[in-house]
Amino acid sequence: ISSLNFFWLKQAVDALAEKATGTEARAVKGRRRLLVWKFIGRYALIGAAAYGILKYTARNITALLAGLFLFVAAILAEIGFELITGSLRKQHGT
């Protein structure tokens, strides 16, 4: 669910950025509508999954939140890794 949430959010943000910068290709209204439904639907999907996890399993809210933020944590770790390795390469001149 975390990856689907991230993917749908990325699609919505990309479409918004295209619209804001004026680089939007002649998009069909159906595509925009689909993006809006995906943007809203991801909250419904997260809510349904959270309800199911908390209602029918012995897992707690900490495990649920950890799973939802998994992709965000991975992206932040990758950003940190790239910043550190880039800084080290710059210092050593490679």
C-alpha atoms as a PDB file:
ATOM      1  CA  ILE A   1       0.000   0.000   0.000  1.00  0.00           C
ATOM      2  CA  SER A   2       2.907   2.309   0.758  1.00  0.00           C
ATOM      3  CA  SER A   3       4.356   1.952  -2.733  1.00  0.00           C
ATOM      4  CA  LEU A   4       0.959   2.403  -4.408  1.00  0.00           C
ATOM      5  CA  ASN A   5       0.346   5.469  -2.246  1.00  0.00           C
ATOM      6  CA  PHE A   6       3.715   6.911  -3.224  1.00  0.00           C
ATOM      7  CA  PHE A   7       3.215   6.131  -6.926  1.00  0.00           C
ATOM      8  CA  TRP A   8      -0.233   7.744  -7.045  1.00  0.00           C
ATOM      9  CA  LEU A   9       0.986  10.775  -5.107  1.00  0.00           C
ATOM     10  CA  LYS A  10       3.939  11.148  -7.495  1.00  0.00           C
ATOM     11  CA  GLN A  11       1.592  11.057 -10.496  1.00  0.00           C
ATOM     12  CA  ALA A  12      -0.583  13.786  -8.978  1.00  0.00           C
ATOM     13  CA  VAL A  13       2.388  15.995  -8.102  1.00  0.00           C
ATOM     14  CA  ASP A  14       3.906  15.536 -11.572  1.00  0.00           C
ATOM     15  CA  ALA A  15       0.614  16.527 -13.211  1.00  0.00           C
ATOM     16  CA  LEU A  16       0.338  19.556 -10.936  1.00  0.00           C
ATOM     17  CA  ALA A  17       3.919  20.592 -11.743  1.00  0.00           C
ATOM     18  CA  GLU A  18       3.241  20.268 -15.481  1.00  0.00           C
ATOM     19  CA  LYS A  19       0.136  22.414 -15.126  1.00  0.00           C
ATOM     20  CA  ALA A  20       1.960  25.040 -13.045  1.00  0.00           C
ATOM     21  CA  THR A  21       4.936  25.326 -15.403  1.00  0.00           C
ATOM     22  CA  GLY A  22       2.836  25.320 -18.544  1.00  0.00           C
ATOM     23  CA  THR A  23       4.565  22.235 -19.951  1.00  0.00           C
ATOM     24  CA  GLU A  24       1.382  20.235 -19.805  1.00  0.00           C
ATOM     25  CA  ALA A  25       0.756  18.299 -22.964  1.00  0.00           C
ATOM     26  CA  ARG A  26      -2.751  18.369 -24.283  1.00  0.00           C
ATOM     27  CA  ALA A  27      -4.075  16.137 -21.553  1.00  0.00           C
ATOM     28  CA  VAL A  28      -7.422  14.501 -21.867  1.00  0.00           C
ATOM     29  CA  LYS A  29      -9.950  15.454 -19.192  1.00  0.00           C
ATOM     30  CA  GLY A  30     -10.335  11.781 -18.338  1.00  0.00           C
ATOM     31  CA  ARG A  31      -6.658  11.614 -17.371  1.00  0.00           C
ATOM     32  CA  ARG A  32      -7.045  14.540 -15.012  1.00  0.00           C
ATOM     33  CA  ARG A  33     -10.164  13.036 -13.515  1.00  0.00           C
ATOM     34  CA  LEU A  34      -8.387   9.739 -13.019  1.00  0.00           C
ATOM     35  CA  LEU A  35      -5.502  11.505 -11.258  1.00  0.00           C
ATOM     36  CA  VAL A  36      -7.929  13.283  -8.938  1.00  0.00           C
ATOM     37  CA  TRP A  37      -9.655  10.003  -8.098  1.00  0.00           C
ATOM     38  CA  LYS A  38      -6.304   8.341  -7.481  1.00  0.00           C
ATOM     39  CA  PHE A  39      -5.264  11.225  -5.235  1.00  0.00           C
ATOM     40  CA  ILE A  40      -8.475  10.911  -3.209  1.00  0.00           C
ATOM     41  CA  GLY A  41      -8.671   7.135  -3.478  1.00  0.00           C
ATOM     42  CA  ARG A  42      -5.300   6.626  -1.873  1.00  0.00           C
ATOM     43  CA  TYR A  43      -6.710   7.967   1.389  1.00  0.00           C
ATOM     44  CA  ALA A  44      -9.625   5.537   1.170  1.00  0.00           C
ATOM     45  CA  LEU A  45      -7.213   2.687   0.487  1.00  0.00           C
ATOM     46  CA  ILE A  46      -4.992   3.656   3.413  1.00  0.00           C
ATOM     47  CA  GLY A  47      -8.011   4.003   5.672  1.00  0.00           C
ATOM     48  CA  ALA A  48      -9.396   0.596   4.697  1.00  0.00           C
ATOM     49  CA  ALA A  49      -6.028  -1.066   5.193  1.00  0.00           C
ATOM     50  CA  ALA A  50      -5.499   0.667   8.530  1.00  0.00           C
ATOM     51  CA  TYR A  51      -8.934  -0.380   9.723  1.00  0.00           C
ATOM     52  CA  GLY A  52      -8.324  -3.962   8.673  1.00  0.00           C
ATOM     53  CA  ILE A  53      -4.892  -4.119  10.274  1.00  0.00           C
ATOM     54  CA  LEU A  54      -5.958  -2.565  13.551  1.00  0.00           C
ATOM     55  CA  LYS A  55      -9.298  -4.366  13.804  1.00  0.00           C
ATOM     56  CA  TYR A  56      -8.368  -7.892  12.779  1.00  0.00           C
ATOM     57  CA  THR A  57      -4.732  -8.335  13.801  1.00  0.00           C
ATOM     58  CA  ALA A  58      -2.717  -8.006  16.972  1.00  0.00           C
ATOM     59  CA  ARG A  59      -0.466  -5.383  15.375  1.00  0.00           C
ATOM     60  CA  ASN A  60      -0.393  -1.909  16.827  1.00  0.00           C
ATOM     61  CA  ILE A  61      -0.461   1.580  15.346  1.00  0.00           C
ATOM     62  CA  THR A  62       3.346   1.847  15.405  1.00  0.00           C
ATOM     63  CA  ALA A  63       3.693  -1.046  12.960  1.00  0.00           C
ATOM     64  CA  LEU A  64       1.017   0.466  10.717  1.00  0.00           C
ATOM     65  CA  LEU A  65       2.731   3.859  10.568  1.00  0.00           C
ATOM     66  CA  ALA A  66       6.132   2.249  10.013  1.00  0.00           C
ATOM     67  CA  GLY A  67       4.749   0.427   6.990  1.00  0.00           C
ATOM     68  CA  LEU A  68       3.122   3.537   5.562  1.00  0.00           C
ATOM     69  CA  PHE A  69       6.300   5.592   5.843  1.00  0.00           C
ATOM     70  CA  LEU A  70       8.588   2.866   4.524  1.00  0.00           C
ATOM     71  CA  PHE A  71       9.085   4.413   1.090  1.00  0.00           C
ATOM     72  CA  VAL A  72       9.556   7.904   2.517  1.00  0.00           C
ATOM     73  CA  ALA A  73      12.268   6.623   4.866  1.00  0.00           C
ATOM     74  CA  ALA A  74      13.974   4.771   1.998  1.00  0.00           C
ATOM     75  CA  ILE A  75      13.984   7.897  -0.169  1.00  0.00           C
ATOM     76  CA  LEU A  76      15.394  10.028   2.657  1.00  0.00           C
ATOM     77  CA  ALA A  77      18.102   7.435   3.291  1.00  0.00           C
ATOM     78  CA  GLU A  78      19.023   7.462  -0.403  1.00  0.00           C
ATOM     79  CA  ILE A  79      19.178  11.262  -0.446  1.00  0.00           C
ATOM     80  CA  GLY A  80      21.488  11.218   2.581  1.00  0.00           C
ATOM     81  CA  PHE A  81      23.681   8.537   1.010  1.00  0.00           C
ATOM     82  CA  GLU A  82      23.996  10.490  -2.253  1.00  0.00           C
ATOM     83  CA  LEU A  83      24.829  13.723  -0.414  1.00  0.00           C
ATOM     84  CA  ILE A  84      27.528  12.045   1.645  1.00  0.00           C
ATOM     85  CA  THR A  85      29.113  10.139  -1.254  1.00  0.00           C
ATOM     86  CA  GLY A  86      28.933  13.214  -3.470  1.00  0.00           C
ATOM     87  CA  SER A  87      30.635  15.294  -0.804  1.00  0.00           C
ATOM     88  CA  LEU A  88      33.365  12.678  -0.342  1.00  0.00           C
ATOM     89  CA  ARG A  89      33.963  12.459  -4.094  1.00  0.00           C
ATOM     90  CA  LYS A  90      34.246  16.224  -4.313  1.00  0.00           C
ATOM     91  CA  GLN A  91      36.789  16.295  -1.485  1.00  0.00           C
ATOM     92  CA  HIS A  92      38.940  13.610  -3.109  1.00  0.00           C
ATOM     93  CA  GLY A  93      38.651  15.117  -6.578  1.00  0.00           C
ATOM     94  CA  THR A  94      37.111  12.087  -8.258  1.00  0.00           C
END
